[in-house]
Amino acid sequence: MRIYRRGDEGPEILDIQHRLIDLGFTLTSAEPTGSFGDATDAAVRGFQAQRSLRVDGLVGPDTWGQLVEAGFRLGDRTLYLRAPHLRGDDVRALQRKLDALGFDPGKQDGVYGAATDAAVREFQRNVGDAGDGVVGLHTIATLERMRPLEDVPGRGVVRETEELRSIRGRLQGRVIAIDPGQATPEIGANTQLSLARSLAAELARLGAKPEMLHDLDEDPAVSARAAAANRLSATICVSLHLGEGLPEASGPTCSYFGSQATYSPAGRHLAELILEELEHELRLRGRLQRLTASMLRETQMPAVQVEALVAANEAEANLLRAPDATTRLGRAIAEGVRRFFED
């Protein structure tokens, strides 16, 4: 989809504004409707911060998707397993309630997938209902009557913490999904692909089995890339990004799946280790952050999004132009992956 930003006008901007207002964000009367001005930019950034999205004021696929999802409340529609999966805040609310009652729906990602369907069916059978996986008003009312305590750690977080111990071991033979990301005007496809190939070569040297999710010429949608990683049954996924930060941003950023309500323990640990290695290699202070970006949200294995340098920052763009830049970055990221398994 097109990316909308400050200065844009049209019916699409009006739709964005209406959705923001419905969610409680205030737009000044001085700003014409259908015009993406300062007030709309501030509201978009507020929404992004609230949803653990990249705070850049741009309405791209992730921000637009979550604007749509935020409009659903539990009970607005019947929920069930279908393809493509249903998505929305109603699904998140359902997952949160199931989690609190001891039925594991997987990570609370707002996607009604197989794990959520299995948790619903188990809950329904436990209360004496037909385990059909269909969440209508009766199932919602039954959930509400049980008054689940929703501020406790989810079973998904507890389960993944336990699974982290079983993941630990040798890197040898592990399938590592590498998402080269998408080419950006700041750096072009060659640098992006060079980094992905450098990382793959380093992981192969360490005995892992790196699998590239796509060629940059294909440029598939994020959902397709996440689905490719899931089909590989990869142990972890590393998604690479360059050039997406704002010019004033600096240093490496490593992100893992997480919102205000939940997070991926394994993803966080992997992101911490990769960030440490990049900071050491670049002599730059970095940032660790929770994100609900689609690549982190839709992959079934622990995943990280790595923005090693910000190509929109001229000083860091110069670092990227060095002949050995992608080799050094690939080596640092691979070392973080090795430590995740072996340290």
C-alpha atoms as a PDB file:
ATOM      1  CA  MET A   1       0.000   0.000   0.000  1.00  0.00           C
ATOM      2  CA  ARG A   2       0.959   3.641  -0.375  1.00  0.00           C
ATOM      3  CA  ILE A   3       2.564   5.291   2.687  1.00  0.00           C
ATOM      4  CA  TYR A   4       0.707   8.394   3.884  1.00  0.00           C
ATOM      5  CA  ARG A   5       2.516  11.274   5.584  1.00  0.00           C
ATOM      6  CA  ARG A   6       2.395  14.948   6.549  1.00  0.00           C
ATOM      7  CA  GLY A   7       1.311  17.064   3.569  1.00  0.00           C
ATOM      8  CA  ASP A   8      -0.870  14.424   1.926  1.00  0.00           C
ATOM      9  CA  GLU A   9      -4.527  15.125   1.189  1.00  0.00           C
ATOM     10  CA  GLY A  10      -7.540  13.132   0.078  1.00  0.00           C
ATOM     11  CA  PRO A  11     -10.270  10.706   1.158  1.00  0.00           C
ATOM     12  CA  GLU A  12      -7.701   8.255   2.537  1.00  0.00           C
ATOM     13  CA  ILE A  13      -6.478  10.907   4.988  1.00  0.00           C
ATOM     14  CA  LEU A  14     -10.068  11.618   6.006  1.00  0.00           C
ATOM     15  CA  ASP A  15     -10.536   7.906   6.744  1.00  0.00           C
ATOM     16  CA  ILE A  16      -7.363   7.874   8.866  1.00  0.00           C
ATOM     17  CA  GLN A  17      -8.551  10.962  10.760  1.00  0.00           C
ATOM     18  CA  HIS A  18     -11.977   9.483  11.476  1.00  0.00           C
ATOM     19  CA  ARG A  19     -10.403   6.320  12.841  1.00  0.00           C
ATOM     20  CA  LEU A  20      -8.069   8.314  15.094  1.00  0.00           C
ATOM     21  CA  ILE A  21     -10.970  10.413  16.413  1.00  0.00           C
ATOM     22  CA  ASP A  22     -13.000   7.249  17.098  1.00  0.00           C
ATOM     23  CA  LEU A  23     -10.053   6.012  19.176  1.00  0.00           C
ATOM     24  CA  GLY A  24     -10.062   9.158  21.309  1.00  0.00           C
ATOM     25  CA  PHE A  25      -7.366  11.247  19.608  1.00  0.00           C
ATOM     26  CA  THR A  26      -8.075  14.956  19.220  1.00  0.00           C
ATOM     27  CA  LEU A  27      -7.582  16.787  15.927  1.00  0.00           C
ATOM     28  CA  THR A  28      -7.750  20.580  16.004  1.00  0.00           C
ATOM     29  CA  SER A  29     -10.558  22.299  14.125  1.00  0.00           C
ATOM     30  CA  ALA A  30      -7.928  24.488  12.456  1.00  0.00           C
ATOM     31  CA  GLU A  31      -6.683  21.514  10.460  1.00  0.00           C
ATOM     32  CA  PRO A  32      -8.824  20.853   7.365  1.00  0.00           C
ATOM     33  CA  THR A  33     -10.400  17.406   7.235  1.00  0.00           C
ATOM     34  CA  GLY A  34      -8.710  15.257   4.650  1.00  0.00           C
ATOM     35  CA  SER A  35      -5.433  17.130   5.108  1.00  0.00           C
ATOM     36  CA  PHE A  36      -2.471  15.453   6.867  1.00  0.00           C
ATOM     37  CA  GLY A  37      -1.140  18.327   8.982  1.00  0.00           C
ATOM     38  CA  ASP A  38       0.560  18.756  12.347  1.00  0.00           C
ATOM     39  CA  ALA A  39      -2.409  17.569  14.419  1.00  0.00           C
ATOM     40  CA  THR A  40      -2.849  14.402  12.363  1.00  0.00           C
ATOM     41  CA  ASP A  41       0.877  13.752  12.544  1.00  0.00           C
ATOM     42  CA  ALA A  42       0.806  14.097  16.346  1.00  0.00           C
ATOM     43  CA  ALA A  43      -2.221  11.795  16.612  1.00  0.00           C
ATOM     44  CA  VAL A  44      -0.591   9.160  14.391  1.00  0.00           C
ATOM     45  CA  ARG A  45       2.572   9.267  16.513  1.00  0.00           C
ATOM     46  CA  GLY A  46       0.489   8.960  19.685  1.00  0.00           C
ATOM     47  CA  PHE A  47      -1.304   5.949  18.242  1.00  0.00           C
ATOM     48  CA  GLN A  48       1.975   4.353  17.174  1.00  0.00           C
ATOM     49  CA  ALA A  49       3.483   4.801  20.645  1.00  0.00           C
ATOM     50  CA  GLN A  50       0.351   3.353  22.235  1.00  0.00           C
ATOM     51  CA  ARG A  51       0.510   0.285  19.967  1.00  0.00           C
ATOM     52  CA  SER A  52       4.287  -0.361  20.196  1.00  0.00           C
ATOM     53  CA  LEU A  53       4.817   0.559  16.545  1.00  0.00           C
ATOM     54  CA  ARG A  54       7.687   2.521  15.037  1.00  0.00           C
ATOM     55  CA  VAL A  55       6.931   6.150  15.984  1.00  0.00           C
ATOM     56  CA  ASP A  56       7.577   7.980  12.718  1.00  0.00           C
ATOM     57  CA  GLY A  57       4.250   9.624  11.841  1.00  0.00           C
ATOM     58  CA  LEU A  58       3.978   7.539   8.661  1.00  0.00           C
ATOM     59  CA  VAL A  59       0.833   5.516   7.953  1.00  0.00           C
ATOM     60  CA  GLY A  60       2.155   2.414   6.222  1.00  0.00           C
ATOM     61  CA  PRO A  61       0.928  -1.204   6.287  1.00  0.00           C
ATOM     62  CA  ASP A  62       1.589  -1.816  10.010  1.00  0.00           C
ATOM     63  CA  THR A  63       0.034   1.431  11.252  1.00  0.00           C
ATOM     64  CA  TRP A  64      -2.932   1.236   8.876  1.00  0.00           C
ATOM     65  CA  GLY A  65      -3.572  -2.409   9.741  1.00  0.00           C
ATOM     66  CA  GLN A  66      -3.624  -1.652  13.443  1.00  0.00           C
ATOM     67  CA  LEU A  67      -5.862   1.390  12.940  1.00  0.00           C
ATOM     68  CA  VAL A  68      -8.383  -0.980  11.392  1.00  0.00           C
ATOM     69  CA  GLU A  69      -7.886  -3.644  14.082  1.00  0.00           C
ATOM     70  CA  ALA A  70      -8.327  -1.108  16.887  1.00  0.00           C
ATOM     71  CA  GLY A  71     -11.902  -0.555  15.769  1.00  0.00           C
ATOM     72  CA  PHE A  72     -13.050  -4.047  16.809  1.00  0.00           C
ATOM     73  CA  ARG A  73     -14.370  -4.744  20.310  1.00  0.00           C
ATOM     74  CA  LEU A  74     -15.014  -8.213  21.689  1.00  0.00           C
ATOM     75  CA  GLY A  75     -18.593  -9.085  20.760  1.00  0.00           C
ATOM     76  CA  ASP A  76     -18.702  -6.921  17.618  1.00  0.00           C
ATOM     77  CA  ARG A  77     -18.417 -10.013  15.417  1.00  0.00           C
ATOM     78  CA  THR A  78     -18.261 -13.788  15.627  1.00  0.00           C
ATOM     79  CA  LEU A  79     -14.689 -15.070  15.841  1.00  0.00           C
ATOM     80  CA  TYR A  80     -13.512 -18.373  14.405  1.00  0.00           C
ATOM     81  CA  LEU A  81     -10.582 -19.925  12.539  1.00  0.00           C
ATOM     82  CA  ARG A  82     -10.546 -19.018   8.867  1.00  0.00           C
ATOM     83  CA  ALA A  83      -8.117 -18.087   6.109  1.00  0.00           C
ATOM     84  CA  PRO A  84      -6.976 -15.374   6.056  1.00  0.00           C
ATOM     85  CA  HIS A  85      -7.004 -15.192   9.845  1.00  0.00           C
ATOM     86  CA  LEU A  86      -9.264 -12.710  11.591  1.00  0.00           C
ATOM     87  CA  ARG A  87      -7.303  -9.863  13.211  1.00  0.00           C
ATOM     88  CA  GLY A  88      -8.273  -7.205  15.677  1.00  0.00           C
ATOM     89  CA  ASP A  89      -8.424  -5.907  19.211  1.00  0.00           C
ATOM     90  CA  ASP A  90     -11.394  -8.213  19.812  1.00  0.00           C
ATOM     91  CA  VAL A  91      -9.081 -11.161  19.161  1.00  0.00           C
ATOM     92  CA  ARG A  92      -6.474  -9.675  21.538  1.00  0.00           C
ATOM     93  CA  ALA A  93      -9.122  -9.282  24.241  1.00  0.00           C
ATOM     94  CA  LEU A  94     -10.201 -12.893  23.736  1.00  0.00           C
ATOM     95  CA  GLN A  95      -6.591 -14.108  23.923  1.00  0.00           C
ATOM     96  CA  ARG A  96      -5.997 -12.099  27.092  1.00  0.00           C
ATOM     97  CA  LYS A  97      -9.048 -13.623  28.820  1.00  0.00           C
ATOM     98  CA  LEU A  98      -8.179 -17.173  27.737  1.00  0.00           C
ATOM     99  CA  ASP A  99      -4.598 -16.676  28.904  1.00  0.00           C
ATOM    100  CA  ALA A 100      -5.766 -15.433  32.307  1.00  0.00           C
ATOM    101  CA  LEU A 101      -7.936 -18.526  32.749  1.00  0.00           C
ATOM    102  CA  GLY A 102      -5.071 -20.914  31.926  1.00  0.00           C
ATOM    103  CA  PHE A 103      -5.858 -21.673  28.281  1.00  0.00           C
ATOM    104  CA  ASP A 104      -2.811 -20.898  26.124  1.00  0.00           C
ATOM    105  CA  PRO A 105      -3.740 -19.055  22.889  1.00  0.00           C
ATOM    106  CA  GLY A 106      -0.094 -18.489  21.931  1.00  0.00           C
ATOM    107  CA  LYS A 107       1.283 -14.969  21.945  1.00  0.00           C
ATOM    108  CA  GLN A 108      -1.330 -12.265  22.369  1.00  0.00           C
ATOM    109  CA  ASP A 109      -0.941 -10.958  18.842  1.00  0.00           C
ATOM    110  CA  GLY A 110      -4.533 -10.218  17.846  1.00  0.00           C
ATOM    111  CA  VAL A 111      -4.474 -12.937  15.168  1.00  0.00           C
ATOM    112  CA  TYR A 112      -7.045 -15.754  15.423  1.00  0.00           C
ATOM    113  CA  GLY A 113      -4.763 -18.613  14.426  1.00  0.00           C
ATOM    114  CA  ALA A 114      -4.501 -22.311  15.224  1.00  0.00           C
ATOM    115  CA  ALA A 115      -3.255 -21.812  18.807  1.00  0.00           C
ATOM    116  CA  THR A 116      -6.143 -19.471  19.648  1.00  0.00           C
ATOM    117  CA  ASP A 117      -8.633 -21.857  18.052  1.00  0.00           C
ATOM    118  CA  ALA A 118      -7.259 -24.761  20.131  1.00  0.00           C
ATOM    119  CA  ALA A 119      -7.472 -22.673  23.336  1.00  0.00           C
ATOM    120  CA  VAL A 120     -11.081 -21.688  22.582  1.00  0.00           C
ATOM    121  CA  ARG A 121     -12.104 -25.294  21.955  1.00  0.00           C
ATOM    122  CA  GLU A 122     -10.415 -26.439  25.176  1.00  0.00           C
ATOM    123  CA  PHE A 123     -12.179 -23.701  27.138  1.00  0.00           C
ATOM    124  CA  GLN A 124     -15.550 -24.563  25.606  1.00  0.00           C
ATOM    125  CA  ARG A 125     -15.169 -28.258  26.453  1.00  0.00           C
ATOM    126  CA  ASN A 126     -14.103 -27.390  30.007  1.00  0.00           C
ATOM    127  CA  VAL A 127     -17.324 -25.441  30.617  1.00  0.00           C
ATOM    128  CA  GLY A 128     -19.496 -28.150  29.088  1.00  0.00           C
ATOM    129  CA  ASP A 129     -20.148 -26.470  25.734  1.00  0.00           C
ATOM    130  CA  ALA A 130     -19.625 -27.863  22.265  1.00  0.00           C
ATOM    131  CA  GLY A 131     -15.948 -27.362  21.389  1.00  0.00           C
ATOM    132  CA  ASP A 132     -16.586 -25.844  17.986  1.00  0.00           C
ATOM    133  CA  GLY A 133     -14.084 -22.968  18.173  1.00  0.00           C
ATOM    134  CA  VAL A 134     -16.784 -20.422  17.333  1.00  0.00           C
ATOM    135  CA  VAL A 135     -16.719 -17.400  19.658  1.00  0.00           C
ATOM    136  CA  GLY A 136     -20.165 -15.846  19.720  1.00  0.00           C
ATOM    137  CA  LEU A 137     -22.061 -13.999  22.427  1.00  0.00           C
ATOM    138  CA  HIS A 138     -22.606 -17.171  24.504  1.00  0.00           C
ATOM    139  CA  THR A 139     -18.883 -18.018  24.718  1.00  0.00           C
ATOM    140  CA  ILE A 140     -18.015 -14.373  25.457  1.00  0.00           C
ATOM    141  CA  ALA A 141     -20.622 -14.227  28.247  1.00  0.00           C
ATOM    142  CA  THR A 142     -19.234 -17.442  29.744  1.00  0.00           C
ATOM    143  CA  LEU A 143     -15.732 -15.976  29.692  1.00  0.00           C
ATOM    144  CA  GLU A 144     -16.902 -12.766  31.326  1.00  0.00           C
ATOM    145  CA  ARG A 145     -18.734 -14.609  34.128  1.00  0.00           C
ATOM    146  CA  MET A 146     -15.453 -16.192  35.178  1.00  0.00           C
ATOM    147  CA  ARG A 147     -13.904 -12.733  35.761  1.00  0.00           C
ATOM    148  CA  PRO A 148     -10.397 -13.592  34.534  1.00  0.00           C
ATOM    149  CA  LEU A 149      -7.538 -11.640  36.143  1.00  0.00           C
ATOM    150  CA  GLU A 150      -5.953 -10.162  33.058  1.00  0.00           C
ATOM    151  CA  ASP A 151      -2.985  -8.372  34.648  1.00  0.00           C
ATOM    152  CA  VAL A 152      -1.024 -11.587  35.308  1.00  0.00           C
ATOM    153  CA  PRO A 153       1.762 -12.929  33.026  1.00  0.00           C
ATOM    154  CA  GLY A 154       0.274 -14.838  30.102  1.00  0.00           C
ATOM    155  CA  ARG A 155       0.839 -18.541  29.658  1.00  0.00           C
ATOM    156  CA  GLY A 156       2.545 -17.751  26.357  1.00  0.00           C
ATOM    157  CA  VAL A 157       5.236 -15.749  28.168  1.00  0.00           C
ATOM    158  CA  VAL A 158       5.694 -18.489  30.777  1.00  0.00           C
ATOM    159  CA  ARG A 159       5.775 -21.216  28.113  1.00  0.00           C
ATOM    160  CA  GLU A 160       8.297 -19.387  25.953  1.00  0.00           C
ATOM    161  CA  THR A 161      10.530 -18.750  28.971  1.00  0.00           C
ATOM    162  CA  GLU A 162      10.571 -22.497  29.569  1.00  0.00           C
ATOM    163  CA  GLU A 163      11.124 -23.251  25.874  1.00  0.00           C
ATOM    164  CA  LEU A 164      14.099 -20.883  25.862  1.00  0.00           C
ATOM    165  CA  ARG A 165      15.974 -23.426  27.967  1.00  0.00           C
ATOM    166  CA  SER A 166      15.298 -26.172  25.425  1.00  0.00           C
ATOM    167  CA  ILE A 167      16.436 -23.958  22.526  1.00  0.00           C
ATOM    168  CA  ARG A 168      19.815 -23.462  24.139  1.00  0.00           C
ATOM    169  CA  GLY A 169      22.530 -25.753  22.800  1.00  0.00           C
ATOM    170  CA  ARG A 170      24.759 -25.783  19.802  1.00  0.00           C
ATOM    171  CA  LEU A 171      24.073 -23.609  16.778  1.00  0.00           C
ATOM    172  CA  GLN A 172      25.198 -26.480  14.567  1.00  0.00           C
ATOM    173  CA  GLY A 173      22.438 -27.574  12.188  1.00  0.00           C
ATOM    174  CA  ARG A 174      19.870 -24.991  13.312  1.00  0.00           C
ATOM    175  CA  VAL A 175      17.684 -23.460  10.600  1.00  0.00           C
ATOM    176  CA  ILE A 176      17.920 -19.659  10.806  1.00  0.00           C
ATOM    177  CA  ALA A 177      15.476 -17.662   8.675  1.00  0.00           C
ATOM    178  CA  ILE A 178      16.962 -14.443   7.291  1.00  0.00           C
ATOM    179  CA  ASP A 179      14.579 -11.758   6.079  1.00  0.00           C
ATOM    180  CA  PRO A 180      16.550  -9.340   3.858  1.00  0.00           C
ATOM    181  CA  GLY A 181      13.790  -6.803   4.331  1.00  0.00           C
ATOM    182  CA  GLN A 182      12.884  -4.409   1.558  1.00  0.00           C
ATOM    183  CA  ALA A 183      15.144  -2.091  -0.383  1.00  0.00           C
ATOM    184  CA  THR A 184      14.931   1.601   0.517  1.00  0.00           C
ATOM    185  CA  PRO A 185      15.935   4.694  -1.505  1.00  0.00           C
ATOM    186  CA  GLU A 186      18.622   5.601   1.034  1.00  0.00           C
ATOM    187  CA  ILE A 187      20.755   2.539   0.394  1.00  0.00           C
ATOM    188  CA  GLY A 188      19.330   0.496  -2.487  1.00  0.00           C
ATOM    189  CA  ALA A 189      19.038  -3.245  -2.889  1.00  0.00           C
ATOM    190  CA  ASN A 190      22.755  -3.993  -3.236  1.00  0.00           C
ATOM    191  CA  THR A 191      23.712  -2.939   0.309  1.00  0.00           C
ATOM    192  CA  GLN A 192      20.659  -4.596   1.825  1.00  0.00           C
ATOM    193  CA  LEU A 193      21.301  -7.876   0.018  1.00  0.00           C
ATOM    194  CA  SER A 194      25.030  -7.713   0.776  1.00  0.00           C
ATOM    195  CA  LEU A 195      24.263  -7.553   4.507  1.00  0.00           C
ATOM    196  CA  ALA A 196      21.845 -10.503   4.272  1.00  0.00           C
ATOM    197  CA  ARG A 197      24.423 -12.559   2.375  1.00  0.00           C
ATOM    198  CA  SER A 198      27.188 -11.646   4.814  1.00  0.00           C
ATOM    199  CA  LEU A 199      25.012 -12.779   7.715  1.00  0.00           C
ATOM    200  CA  ALA A 200      24.144 -16.009   5.904  1.00  0.00           C
ATOM    201  CA  ALA A 201      27.828 -16.711   5.195  1.00  0.00           C
ATOM    202  CA  GLU A 202      28.818 -16.112   8.828  1.00  0.00           C
ATOM    203  CA  LEU A 203      26.015 -18.340  10.142  1.00  0.00           C
ATOM    204  CA  ALA A 204      26.968 -21.094   7.687  1.00  0.00           C
ATOM    205  CA  ARG A 205      30.590 -20.831   8.837  1.00  0.00           C
ATOM    206  CA  LEU A 206      29.360 -21.365  12.409  1.00  0.00           C
ATOM    207  CA  GLY A 207      27.513 -24.506  11.331  1.00  0.00           C
ATOM    208  CA  ALA A 208      23.963 -23.173  11.101  1.00  0.00           C
ATOM    209  CA  LYS A 209      21.620 -23.585   8.136  1.00  0.00           C
ATOM    210  CA  PRO A 210      20.682 -20.063   7.014  1.00  0.00           C
ATOM    211  CA  GLU A 211      17.636 -19.756   4.751  1.00  0.00           C
ATOM    212  CA  MET A 212      16.939 -16.530   2.852  1.00  0.00           C
ATOM    213  CA  LEU A 213      13.215 -15.760   2.811  1.00  0.00           C
ATOM    214  CA  HIS A 214      13.219 -13.935  -0.530  1.00  0.00           C
ATOM    215  CA  ASP A 215      15.285 -12.204  -3.150  1.00  0.00           C
ATOM    216  CA  LEU A 216      15.057  -8.426  -2.951  1.00  0.00           C
ATOM    217  CA  ASP A 217      13.908  -8.329  -6.586  1.00  0.00           C
ATOM    218  CA  GLU A 218      10.745 -10.177  -5.516  1.00  0.00           C
ATOM    219  CA  ASP A 219       9.880  -7.733  -2.706  1.00  0.00           C
ATOM    220  CA  PRO A 220       6.992  -9.811  -1.270  1.00  0.00           C
ATOM    221  CA  ALA A 221       4.599  -8.513   1.379  1.00  0.00           C
ATOM    222  CA  VAL A 222       5.562  -8.919   5.033  1.00  0.00           C
ATOM    223  CA  SER A 223       2.865 -11.553   5.630  1.00  0.00           C
ATOM    224  CA  ALA A 224       4.273 -13.662   2.801  1.00  0.00           C
ATOM    225  CA  ARG A 225       7.785 -13.408   4.260  1.00  0.00           C
ATOM    226  CA  ALA A 226       6.553 -14.400   7.726  1.00  0.00           C
ATOM    227  CA  ALA A 227       4.630 -17.333   6.236  1.00  0.00           C
ATOM    228  CA  ALA A 228       7.818 -18.451   4.457  1.00  0.00           C
ATOM    229  CA  ALA A 229       9.702 -18.453   7.777  1.00  0.00           C
ATOM    230  CA  ASN A 230       6.914 -20.481   9.389  1.00  0.00           C
ATOM    231  CA  ARG A 231       6.989 -23.060   6.583  1.00  0.00           C
ATOM    232  CA  LEU A 232      10.721 -23.532   7.153  1.00  0.00           C
ATOM    233  CA  SER A 233      10.090 -24.368  10.835  1.00  0.00           C
ATOM    234  CA  ALA A 234      13.087 -22.146  11.561  1.00  0.00           C
ATOM    235  CA  THR A 235      14.407 -21.997  15.112  1.00  0.00           C
ATOM    236  CA  ILE A 236      14.691 -18.202  14.968  1.00  0.00           C
ATOM    237  CA  CYS A 237      14.137 -15.439  12.410  1.00  0.00           C
ATOM    238  CA  VAL A 238      16.338 -12.364  11.875  1.00  0.00           C
ATOM    239  CA  SER A 239      14.740  -9.532   9.883  1.00  0.00           C
ATOM    240  CA  LEU A 240      17.189  -6.934   8.558  1.00  0.00           C
ATOM    241  CA  HIS A 241      16.422  -3.238   8.088  1.00  0.00           C
ATOM    242  CA  LEU A 242      18.530  -0.328   6.926  1.00  0.00           C
ATOM    243  CA  GLY A 243      17.634   3.224   6.079  1.00  0.00           C
ATOM    244  CA  GLU A 244      14.217   3.304   7.749  1.00  0.00           C
ATOM    245  CA  GLY A 245      15.049   5.558  10.681  1.00  0.00           C
ATOM    246  CA  LEU A 246      14.629   9.300  10.893  1.00  0.00           C
ATOM    247  CA  PRO A 247      17.710  11.466  10.119  1.00  0.00           C
ATOM    248  CA  GLU A 248      18.073  12.411  13.788  1.00  0.00           C
ATOM    249  CA  ALA A 249      18.111   8.738  14.836  1.00  0.00           C
ATOM    250  CA  SER A 250      21.444   7.072  15.423  1.00  0.00           C
ATOM    251  CA  GLY A 251      22.988   3.774  16.430  1.00  0.00           C
ATOM    252  CA  PRO A 252      21.717   0.215  16.055  1.00  0.00           C
ATOM    253  CA  THR A 253      18.181  -0.734  17.076  1.00  0.00           C
ATOM    254  CA  CYS A 254      17.122  -4.288  17.872  1.00  0.00           C
ATOM    255  CA  SER A 255      13.413  -5.004  18.269  1.00  0.00           C
ATOM    256  CA  TYR A 256      11.437  -7.999  19.507  1.00  0.00           C
ATOM    257  CA  PHE A 257       7.728  -8.791  19.623  1.00  0.00           C
ATOM    258  CA  GLY A 258       6.015  -7.042  22.480  1.00  0.00           C
ATOM    259  CA  SER A 259       3.178  -4.729  23.417  1.00  0.00           C
ATOM    260  CA  GLN A 260       2.119  -3.087  26.660  1.00  0.00           C
ATOM    261  CA  ALA A 261       0.418  -6.355  27.653  1.00  0.00           C
ATOM    262  CA  THR A 262       2.848  -9.072  26.572  1.00  0.00           C
ATOM    263  CA  TYR A 263       6.194  -9.843  24.960  1.00  0.00           C
ATOM    264  CA  SER A 264       8.440 -12.618  23.636  1.00  0.00           C
ATOM    265  CA  PRO A 265      11.085 -13.567  26.257  1.00  0.00           C
ATOM    266  CA  ALA A 266      13.202 -15.467  23.730  1.00  0.00           C
ATOM    267  CA  GLY A 267      12.928 -12.657  21.195  1.00  0.00           C
ATOM    268  CA  ARG A 268      14.012 -10.136  23.825  1.00  0.00           C
ATOM    269  CA  HIS A 269      17.051 -12.202  24.833  1.00  0.00           C
ATOM    270  CA  LEU A 270      18.121 -12.642  21.208  1.00  0.00           C
ATOM    271  CA  ALA A 271      17.684  -8.913  20.546  1.00  0.00           C
ATOM    272  CA  GLU A 272      19.741  -8.038  23.639  1.00  0.00           C
ATOM    273  CA  LEU A 273      22.668 -10.206  22.531  1.00  0.00           C
ATOM    274  CA  ILE A 274      22.679  -8.948  18.931  1.00  0.00           C
ATOM    275  CA  LEU A 275      22.501  -5.361  20.167  1.00  0.00           C
ATOM    276  CA  GLU A 276      25.491  -5.924  22.472  1.00  0.00           C
ATOM    277  CA  GLU A 277      27.564  -7.219  19.550  1.00  0.00           C
ATOM    278  CA  LEU A 278      26.563  -4.363  17.240  1.00  0.00           C
ATOM    279  CA  GLU A 279      27.339  -1.764  19.903  1.00  0.00           C
ATOM    280  CA  HIS A 280      30.757  -3.332  20.439  1.00  0.00           C
ATOM    281  CA  GLU A 281      31.490  -3.486  16.702  1.00  0.00           C
ATOM    282  CA  LEU A 282      30.263   0.022  15.858  1.00  0.00           C
ATOM    283  CA  ARG A 283      31.223   1.799  19.092  1.00  0.00           C
ATOM    284  CA  LEU A 284      27.740   3.322  19.037  1.00  0.00           C
ATOM    285  CA  ARG A 285      25.068   3.216  21.710  1.00  0.00           C
ATOM    286  CA  GLY A 286      21.992   1.320  20.549  1.00  0.00           C
ATOM    287  CA  ARG A 287      18.382   0.836  21.523  1.00  0.00           C
ATOM    288  CA  LEU A 288      16.307  -2.192  22.504  1.00  0.00           C
ATOM    289  CA  GLN A 289      12.563  -1.938  21.887  1.00  0.00           C
ATOM    290  CA  ARG A 290       9.289  -3.840  21.866  1.00  0.00           C
ATOM    291  CA  LEU A 291       7.442  -3.747  18.549  1.00  0.00           C
ATOM    292  CA  THR A 292       4.216  -5.210  17.204  1.00  0.00           C
ATOM    293  CA  ALA A 293       5.502  -4.986  13.630  1.00  0.00           C
ATOM    294  CA  SER A 294       4.047  -7.685  11.385  1.00  0.00           C
ATOM    295  CA  MET A 295       7.302  -9.603  10.850  1.00  0.00           C
ATOM    296  CA  LEU A 296       7.704 -10.049  14.613  1.00  0.00           C
ATOM    297  CA  ARG A 297       4.033 -10.644  15.239  1.00  0.00           C
ATOM    298  CA  GLU A 298       3.306 -13.207  12.521  1.00  0.00           C
ATOM    299  CA  THR A 299       6.353 -15.466  12.833  1.00  0.00           C
ATOM    300  CA  GLN A 300       5.842 -18.527  15.018  1.00  0.00           C
ATOM    301  CA  MET A 301       9.435 -18.689  16.235  1.00  0.00           C
ATOM    302  CA  PRO A 302      11.411 -16.115  18.269  1.00  0.00           C
ATOM    303  CA  ALA A 303      12.145 -13.249  15.897  1.00  0.00           C
ATOM    304  CA  VAL A 304      14.112 -10.006  15.944  1.00  0.00           C
ATOM    305  CA  GLN A 305      14.182  -6.958  13.721  1.00  0.00           C
ATOM    306  CA  VAL A 306      17.684  -5.534  13.378  1.00  0.00           C
ATOM    307  CA  GLU A 307      18.360  -2.034  12.137  1.00  0.00           C
ATOM    308  CA  ALA A 308      22.139  -2.031  12.300  1.00  0.00           C
ATOM    309  CA  LEU A 309      22.617   1.539  11.072  1.00  0.00           C
ATOM    310  CA  VAL A 310      20.354   4.415  10.048  1.00  0.00           C
ATOM    311  CA  ALA A 311      21.141   5.276   6.450  1.00  0.00           C
ATOM    312  CA  ALA A 312      19.024   8.440   6.672  1.00  0.00           C
ATOM    313  CA  ASN A 313      21.670   9.677   9.134  1.00  0.00           C
ATOM    314  CA  GLU A 314      24.518  10.992   6.979  1.00  0.00           C
ATOM    315  CA  ALA A 315      27.290   9.918   9.371  1.00  0.00           C
ATOM    316  CA  GLU A 316      25.953   6.374   9.494  1.00  0.00           C
ATOM    317  CA  ALA A 317      25.376   6.347   5.746  1.00  0.00           C
ATOM    318  CA  ASN A 318      29.098   7.002   5.391  1.00  0.00           C
ATOM    319  CA  LEU A 319      29.824   4.011   7.648  1.00  0.00           C
ATOM    320  CA  LEU A 320      27.662   1.864   5.365  1.00  0.00           C
ATOM    321  CA  ARG A 321      29.665   2.957   2.333  1.00  0.00           C
ATOM    322  CA  ALA A 322      32.871   1.435   3.720  1.00  0.00           C
ATOM    323  CA  PRO A 323      33.950  -1.628   1.671  1.00  0.00           C
ATOM    324  CA  ASP A 324      33.838  -3.968   4.662  1.00  0.00           C
ATOM    325  CA  ALA A 325      30.706  -2.516   6.316  1.00  0.00           C
ATOM    326  CA  THR A 326      28.241  -5.322   5.576  1.00  0.00           C
ATOM    327  CA  THR A 327      30.844  -7.968   6.405  1.00  0.00           C
ATOM    328  CA  ARG A 328      31.439  -6.444   9.839  1.00  0.00           C
ATOM    329  CA  LEU A 329      27.724  -6.050  10.521  1.00  0.00           C
ATOM    330  CA  GLY A 330      26.947  -9.584   9.396  1.00  0.00           C
ATOM    331  CA  ARG A 331      29.692 -10.956  11.639  1.00  0.00           C
ATOM    332  CA  ALA A 332      28.401  -9.034  14.668  1.00  0.00           C
ATOM    333  CA  ILE A 333      24.801 -10.171  14.165  1.00  0.00           C
ATOM    334  CA  ALA A 334      25.928 -13.770  13.685  1.00  0.00           C
ATOM    335  CA  GLU A 335      27.927 -13.623  16.909  1.00  0.00           C
ATOM    336  CA  GLY A 336      24.819 -12.486  18.767  1.00  0.00           C
ATOM    337  CA  VAL A 337      22.929 -15.454  17.307  1.00  0.00           C
ATOM    338  CA  ARG A 338      25.714 -17.840  18.337  1.00  0.00           C
ATOM    339  CA  ARG A 339      25.653 -16.538  21.906  1.00  0.00           C
ATOM    340  CA  PHE A 340      21.868 -16.987  22.009  1.00  0.00           C
ATOM    341  CA  PHE A 341      22.337 -20.711  21.525  1.00  0.00           C
ATOM    342  CA  GLU A 342      25.685 -21.463  23.094  1.00  0.00           C
ATOM    343  CA  ASP A 343      26.552 -19.047  25.919  1.00  0.00           C
END
